[in-house]
PDB file of N, CA and C in Angstrom:
ATOM      1  N   MET A   1      22.109  -0.240   3.341  1.00  0.00           N
ATOM      2  CA  MET A   1      21.796   1.026   2.731  1.00  0.00           C
ATOM      3  C   MET A   1      20.317   1.125   2.358  1.00  0.00           C
ATOM      4  N   ILE A   2      19.761   0.045   1.833  1.00  0.00           N
ATOM      5  CA  ILE A   2      18.359   0.075   1.439  1.00  0.00           C
ATOM      6  C   ILE A   2      17.483   0.380   2.645  1.00  0.00           C
ATOM      7  N   GLY A   3      17.794  -0.215   3.782  1.00  0.00           N
ATOM      8  CA  GLY A   3      17.012   0.035   4.994  1.00  0.00           C
ATOM      9  C   GLY A   3      16.975   1.504   5.364  1.00  0.00           C
ATOM     10  N   ARG A   4      18.106   2.182   5.238  1.00  0.00           N
ATOM     11  CA  ARG A   4      18.156   3.618   5.558  1.00  0.00           C
ATOM     12  C   ARG A   4      17.342   4.436   4.559  1.00  0.00           C
ATOM     13  N   LEU A   5      17.390   4.069   3.287  1.00  0.00           N
ATOM     14  CA  LEU A   5      16.622   4.784   2.267  1.00  0.00           C
ATOM     15  C   LEU A   5      15.122   4.589   2.483  1.00  0.00           C
ATOM     16  N   VAL A   6      14.746   3.374   2.845  1.00  0.00           N
ATOM     17  CA  VAL A   6      13.332   3.090   3.120  1.00  0.00           C
ATOM     18  C   VAL A   6      12.879   3.855   4.356  1.00  0.00           C
ATOM     19  N   GLN A   7      13.705   3.867   5.389  1.00  0.00           N
ATOM     20  CA  GLN A   7      13.371   4.606   6.608  1.00  0.00           C
ATOM     21  C   GLN A   7      13.159   6.085   6.293  1.00  0.00           C
ATOM     22  N   SER A   8      14.011   6.646   5.470  1.00  0.00           N
ATOM     23  CA  SER A   8      13.881   8.047   5.079  1.00  0.00           C
ATOM     24  C   SER A   8      12.570   8.291   4.341  1.00  0.00           C
ATOM     25  N   ALA A   9      12.197   7.372   3.466  1.00  0.00           N
ATOM     26  CA  ALA A   9      10.941   7.514   2.730  1.00  0.00           C
ATOM     27  C   ALA A   9       9.748   7.495   3.678  1.00  0.00           C
ATOM     28  N   PHE A  10       9.788   6.637   4.685  1.00  0.00           N
ATOM     29  CA  PHE A  10       8.693   6.596   5.652  1.00  0.00           C
ATOM     30  C   PHE A  10       8.661   7.863   6.501  1.00  0.00           C
ATOM     31  N   GLN A  11       9.820   8.405   6.820  1.00  0.00           N
ATOM     32  CA  GLN A  11       9.865   9.630   7.629  1.00  0.00           C
ATOM     33  C   GLN A  11       9.326  10.830   6.864  1.00  0.00           C
ATOM     34  N   THR A  12       9.641  10.902   5.577  1.00  0.00           N
ATOM     35  CA  THR A  12       9.235  12.066   4.780  1.00  0.00           C
ATOM     36  C   THR A  12       7.917  11.858   4.053  1.00  0.00           C
ATOM     37  N   GLY A  13       7.515  10.601   3.898  1.00  0.00           N
ATOM     38  CA  GLY A  13       6.302  10.314   3.140  1.00  0.00           C
ATOM     39  C   GLY A  13       6.516  10.387   1.643  1.00  0.00           C
ATOM     40  N   CYS A  14       7.788  10.449   1.227  1.00  0.00           N
ATOM     41  CA  CYS A  14       8.109  10.585  -0.191  1.00  0.00           C
ATOM     42  C   CYS A  14       9.347   9.761  -0.529  1.00  0.00           C
ATOM     43  N   LEU A  15       9.293   9.069  -1.650  1.00  0.00           N
ATOM     44  CA  LEU A  15      10.450   8.350  -2.171  1.00  0.00           C
ATOM     45  C   LEU A  15      11.051   9.203  -3.275  1.00  0.00           C
ATOM     46  N   SER A  16      12.222   9.751  -3.014  1.00  0.00           N
ATOM     47  CA  SER A  16      12.849  10.648  -3.990  1.00  0.00           C
ATOM     48  C   SER A  16      13.385   9.864  -5.182  1.00  0.00           C
ATOM     49  N   VAL A  17      13.555  10.577  -6.282  1.00  0.00           N
ATOM     50  CA  VAL A  17      14.142   9.979  -7.479  1.00  0.00           C
ATOM     51  C   VAL A  17      15.542   9.462  -7.160  1.00  0.00           C
ATOM     52  N   GLU A  18      16.283  10.227  -6.373  1.00  0.00           N
ATOM     53  CA  GLU A  18      17.644   9.841  -6.013  1.00  0.00           C
ATOM     54  C   GLU A  18      17.662   8.553  -5.194  1.00  0.00           C
ATOM     55  N   SER A  19      16.774   8.468  -4.208  1.00  0.00           N
ATOM     56  CA  SER A  19      16.714   7.259  -3.375  1.00  0.00           C
ATOM     57  C   SER A  19      16.314   6.050  -4.203  1.00  0.00           C
ATOM     58  N   GLU A  20      15.364   6.251  -5.089  1.00  0.00           N
ATOM     59  CA  GLU A  20      14.929   5.145  -5.935  1.00  0.00           C
ATOM     60  C   GLU A  20      16.083   4.666  -6.822  1.00  0.00           C
ATOM     61  N   GLY A  21      16.856   5.607  -7.343  1.00  0.00           N
ATOM     62  CA  GLY A  21      18.011   5.248  -8.161  1.00  0.00           C
ATOM     63  C   GLY A  21      19.065   4.495  -7.369  1.00  0.00           C
ATOM     64  N   LEU A  22      19.315   4.940  -6.133  1.00  0.00           N
ATOM     65  CA  LEU A  22      20.286   4.250  -5.280  1.00  0.00           C
ATOM     66  C   LEU A  22      19.829   2.833  -4.958  1.00  0.00           C
ATOM     67  N   ILE A  23      18.538   2.678  -4.700  1.00  0.00           N
ATOM     68  CA  ILE A  23      17.998   1.342  -4.427  1.00  0.00           C
ATOM     69  C   ILE A  23      18.229   0.441  -5.634  1.00  0.00           C
ATOM     70  N   ARG A  24      17.958   0.959  -6.817  1.00  0.00           N
ATOM     71  CA  ARG A  24      18.166   0.167  -8.038  1.00  0.00           C
ATOM     72  C   ARG A  24      19.637  -0.231  -8.194  1.00  0.00           C
ATOM     73  N   GLN A  25      20.544   0.702  -7.886  1.00  0.00           N
ATOM     74  CA  GLN A  25      21.976   0.405  -8.000  1.00  0.00           C
ATOM     75  C   GLN A  25      22.398  -0.694  -7.026  1.00  0.00           C
ATOM     76  N   VAL A  26      21.922  -0.597  -5.790  1.00  0.00           N
ATOM     77  CA  VAL A  26      22.272  -1.613  -4.788  1.00  0.00           C
ATOM     78  C   VAL A  26      21.742  -2.978  -5.221  1.00  0.00           C
ATOM     79  N   LEU A  27      20.517  -3.001  -5.746  1.00  0.00           N
ATOM     80  CA  LEU A  27      19.954  -4.267  -6.210  1.00  0.00           C
ATOM     81  C   LEU A  27      20.753  -4.824  -7.384  1.00  0.00           C
ATOM     82  N   ALA A  28      21.145  -3.966  -8.305  1.00  0.00           N
ATOM     83  CA  ALA A  28      21.900  -4.411  -9.475  1.00  0.00           C
ATOM     84  C   ALA A  28      23.269  -4.964  -9.082  1.00  0.00           C
ATOM     85  N   MET A  29      23.869  -4.377  -8.055  1.00  0.00           N
ATOM     86  CA  MET A  29      25.189  -4.823  -7.595  1.00  0.00           C
ATOM     87  C   MET A  29      25.087  -5.985  -6.611  1.00  0.00           C
ATOM     88  N   ARG A  30      23.866  -6.350  -6.277  1.00  0.00           N
ATOM     89  CA  ARG A  30      23.610  -7.415  -5.300  1.00  0.00           C
ATOM     90  C   ARG A  30      24.247  -7.104  -3.955  1.00  0.00           C
ATOM     91  N   GLY A  31      24.209  -5.833  -3.590  1.00  0.00           N
ATOM     92  CA  GLY A  31      24.796  -5.400  -2.331  1.00  0.00           C
ATOM     93  C   GLY A  31      23.775  -5.292  -1.219  1.00  0.00           C
ATOM     94  N   TYR A  32      22.868  -6.235  -1.148  1.00  0.00           N
ATOM     95  CA  TYR A  32      21.785  -6.179  -0.173  1.00  0.00           C
ATOM     96  C   TYR A  32      21.765  -7.435   0.684  1.00  0.00           C
ATOM     97  N   GLN A  33      21.020  -7.327   1.793  1.00  0.00           N
ATOM     98  CA  GLN A  33      20.830  -8.455   2.703  1.00  0.00           C
ATOM     99  C   GLN A  33      19.343  -8.754   2.790  1.00  0.00           C
ATOM    100  N   SER A  34      18.995  -9.829   3.449  1.00  0.00           N
ATOM    101  CA  SER A  34      17.580 -10.215   3.543  1.00  0.00           C
ATOM    102  C   SER A  34      16.756  -9.137   4.238  1.00  0.00           C
ATOM    103  N   ALA A  35      17.335  -8.446   5.220  1.00  0.00           N
ATOM    104  CA  ALA A  35      16.607  -7.366   5.902  1.00  0.00           C
ATOM    105  C   ALA A  35      16.295  -6.230   4.934  1.00  0.00           C
ATOM    106  N   ASP A  36      17.186  -5.990   3.970  1.00  0.00           N
ATOM    107  CA  ASP A  36      16.939  -4.955   2.969  1.00  0.00           C
ATOM    108  C   ASP A  36      15.744  -5.321   2.099  1.00  0.00           C
ATOM    109  N   LEU A  37      15.633  -6.585   1.752  1.00  0.00           N
ATOM    110  CA  LEU A  37      14.510  -7.021   0.924  1.00  0.00           C
ATOM    111  C   LEU A  37      13.191  -6.903   1.679  1.00  0.00           C
ATOM    112  N   ALA A  38      13.208  -7.185   2.965  1.00  0.00           N
ATOM    113  CA  ALA A  38      11.997  -7.024   3.777  1.00  0.00           C
ATOM    114  C   ALA A  38      11.602  -5.551   3.837  1.00  0.00           C
ATOM    115  N   ALA A  39      12.585  -4.664   3.996  1.00  0.00           N
ATOM    116  CA  ALA A  39      12.308  -3.225   4.016  1.00  0.00           C
ATOM    117  C   ALA A  39      11.765  -2.779   2.672  1.00  0.00           C
ATOM    118  N   LEU A  40      12.293  -3.330   1.609  1.00  0.00           N
ATOM    119  CA  LEU A  40      11.841  -2.981   0.270  1.00  0.00           C
ATOM    120  C   LEU A  40      10.396  -3.421   0.040  1.00  0.00           C
ATOM    121  N   GLU A  41      10.028  -4.555   0.582  1.00  0.00           N
ATOM    122  CA  GLU A  41       8.638  -5.011   0.486  1.00  0.00           C
ATOM    123  C   GLU A  41       7.694  -4.051   1.209  1.00  0.00           C
ATOM    124  N   ARG A  42       8.102  -3.582   2.392  1.00  0.00           N
ATOM    125  CA  ARG A  42       7.280  -2.609   3.128  1.00  0.00           C
ATOM    126  C   ARG A  42       7.134  -1.320   2.324  1.00  0.00           C
ATOM    127  N   LEU A  43       8.227  -0.889   1.705  1.00  0.00           N
ATOM    128  CA  LEU A  43       8.190   0.317   0.885  1.00  0.00           C
ATOM    129  C   LEU A  43       7.252   0.137  -0.304  1.00  0.00           C
ATOM    130  N   TYR A  44       7.360  -0.979  -0.972  1.00  0.00           N
ATOM    131  CA  TYR A  44       6.511  -1.283  -2.121  1.00  0.00           C
ATOM    132  C   TYR A  44       5.033  -1.224  -1.726  1.00  0.00           C
ATOM    133  N   ASP A  45       4.695  -1.858  -0.604  1.00  0.00           N
ATOM    134  CA  ASP A  45       3.312  -1.837  -0.125  1.00  0.00           C
ATOM    135  C   ASP A  45       2.866  -0.416   0.207  1.00  0.00           C
ATOM    136  N   ALA A  46       3.739   0.357   0.845  1.00  0.00           N
ATOM    137  CA  ALA A  46       3.391   1.727   1.232  1.00  0.00           C
ATOM    138  C   ALA A  46       3.170   2.612   0.013  1.00  0.00           C
ATOM    139  N   VAL A  47       3.953   2.405  -1.030  1.00  0.00           N
ATOM    140  CA  VAL A  47       3.762   3.182  -2.260  1.00  0.00           C
ATOM    141  C   VAL A  47       2.431   2.807  -2.901  1.00  0.00           C
ATOM    142  N   HIS A  48       2.128   1.526  -2.940  1.00  0.00           N
ATOM    143  CA  HIS A  48       0.887   1.080  -3.571  1.00  0.00           C
ATOM    144  C   HIS A  48      -0.362   1.473  -2.793  1.00  0.00           C
ATOM    145  N   THR A  49      -0.251   1.657  -1.497  1.00  0.00           N
ATOM    146  CA  THR A  49      -1.413   2.068  -0.709  1.00  0.00           C
ATOM    147  C   THR A  49      -1.505   3.582  -0.562  1.00  0.00           C
ATOM    148  N   GLY A  50      -0.514   4.295  -1.093  1.00  0.00           N
ATOM    149  CA  GLY A  50      -0.541   5.754  -1.035  1.00  0.00           C
ATOM    150  C   GLY A  50       0.050   6.348   0.227  1.00  0.00           C
ATOM    151  N   GLN A  51       0.589   5.510   1.093  1.00  0.00           N
ATOM    152  CA  GLN A  51       1.207   6.011   2.320  1.00  0.00           C
ATOM    153  C   GLN A  51       2.475   6.797   1.999  1.00  0.00           C
ATOM    154  N   ILE A  52       3.169   6.387   0.947  1.00  0.00           N
ATOM    155  CA  ILE A  52       4.372   7.075   0.484  1.00  0.00           C
ATOM    156  C   ILE A  52       4.173   7.449  -0.977  1.00  0.00           C
ATOM    157  N   GLN A  53       4.513   8.676  -1.316  1.00  0.00           N
ATOM    158  CA  GLN A  53       4.422   9.160  -2.690  1.00  0.00           C
ATOM    159  C   GLN A  53       5.785   9.045  -3.360  1.00  0.00           C
ATOM    160  N   ARG A  54       5.769   8.837  -4.666  1.00  0.00           N
ATOM    161  CA  ARG A  54       7.014   8.797  -5.441  1.00  0.00           C
ATOM    162  C   ARG A  54       7.191  10.104  -6.193  1.00  0.00           C
ATOM    163  N   GLU A  55       8.431  10.604  -6.217  1.00  0.00           N
ATOM    164  CA  GLU A  55       8.731  11.762  -7.055  1.00  0.00           C
ATOM    165  C   GLU A  55       8.695  11.369  -8.526  1.00  0.00           C
ATOM    166  N   ALA A  56       9.180  10.179  -8.827  1.00  0.00           N
ATOM    167  CA  ALA A  56       9.222   9.700 -10.211  1.00  0.00           C
ATOM    168  C   ALA A  56       7.815   9.308 -10.645  1.00  0.00           C
ATOM    169  N   HIS A  57       7.584   9.428 -11.920  1.00  0.00           N
ATOM    170  CA  HIS A  57       6.289   9.023 -12.466  1.00  0.00           C
ATOM    171  C   HIS A  57       6.438   7.651 -13.102  1.00  0.00           C
ATOM    172  N   GLY A  58       5.331   6.989 -13.252  1.00  0.00           N
ATOM    173  CA  GLY A  58       5.363   5.688 -13.908  1.00  0.00           C
ATOM    174  C   GLY A  58       5.197   4.559 -12.925  1.00  0.00           C
ATOM    175  N   ARG A  59       5.359   3.390 -13.451  1.00  0.00           N
ATOM    176  CA  ARG A  59       5.138   2.170 -12.695  1.00  0.00           C
ATOM    177  C   ARG A  59       6.261   1.918 -11.694  1.00  0.00           C
ATOM    178  N   VAL A  60       5.915   1.349 -10.566  1.00  0.00           N
ATOM    179  CA  VAL A  60       6.902   1.014  -9.538  1.00  0.00           C
ATOM    180  C   VAL A  60       7.498  -0.345  -9.871  1.00  0.00           C
ATOM    181  N   ASN A  61       8.790  -0.386 -10.112  1.00  0.00           N
ATOM    182  CA  ASN A  61       9.466  -1.640 -10.429  1.00  0.00           C
ATOM    183  C   ASN A  61      10.521  -1.993  -9.396  1.00  0.00           C
ATOM    184  N   LEU A  62      10.384  -1.478  -8.189  1.00  0.00           N
ATOM    185  CA  LEU A  62      11.404  -1.723  -7.179  1.00  0.00           C
ATOM    186  C   LEU A  62      11.541  -3.192  -6.835  1.00  0.00           C
ATOM    187  N   LEU A  63      10.458  -3.927  -6.921  1.00  0.00           N
ATOM    188  CA  LEU A  63      10.504  -5.337  -6.551  1.00  0.00           C
ATOM    189  C   LEU A  63      10.384  -6.245  -7.764  1.00  0.00           C
ATOM    190  N   SER A  64      10.832  -5.757  -8.908  1.00  0.00           N
ATOM    191  CA  SER A  64      10.829  -6.613 -10.085  1.00  0.00           C
ATOM    192  C   SER A  64      11.754  -7.792  -9.809  1.00  0.00           C
ATOM    193  N   PRO A  65      11.559  -8.875 -10.508  1.00  0.00           N
ATOM    194  CA  PRO A  65      12.398 -10.047 -10.229  1.00  0.00           C
ATOM    195  C   PRO A  65      13.881  -9.694 -10.280  1.00  0.00           C
ATOM    196  N   LEU A  66      14.597 -10.166  -9.279  1.00  0.00           N
ATOM    197  CA  LEU A  66      16.026  -9.902  -9.205  1.00  0.00           C
ATOM    198  C   LEU A  66      16.770 -10.880 -10.102  1.00  0.00           C
ATOM    199  N   PRO A  67      17.869 -10.426 -10.713  1.00  0.00           N
ATOM    200  CA  PRO A  67      18.650 -11.340 -11.549  1.00  0.00           C
ATOM    201  C   PRO A  67      19.271 -12.454 -10.709  1.00  0.00           C
ATOM    202  N   ASN A  68      19.421 -13.618 -11.297  1.00  0.00           N
ATOM    203  CA  ASN A  68      20.011 -14.761 -10.573  1.00  0.00           C
ATOM    204  C   ASN A  68      21.484 -14.617 -10.432  1.00  0.00           C
TER     205      ASN A  68
END
């Protein structure tokens, strides 16, 4: 699921509040695979370089340390 959300963000150039929330939910439920984490890293880099804009304001915490 994360891969599809990241792909959508790259296609639109925007990370929606809804997509960001879904990503957080998937991470919290540990419903991700290694490919999802790689996609999330690309998204994080794209947001920080301005390639993708966020609808939400504030700091990007998508790649905050994951719970053990």
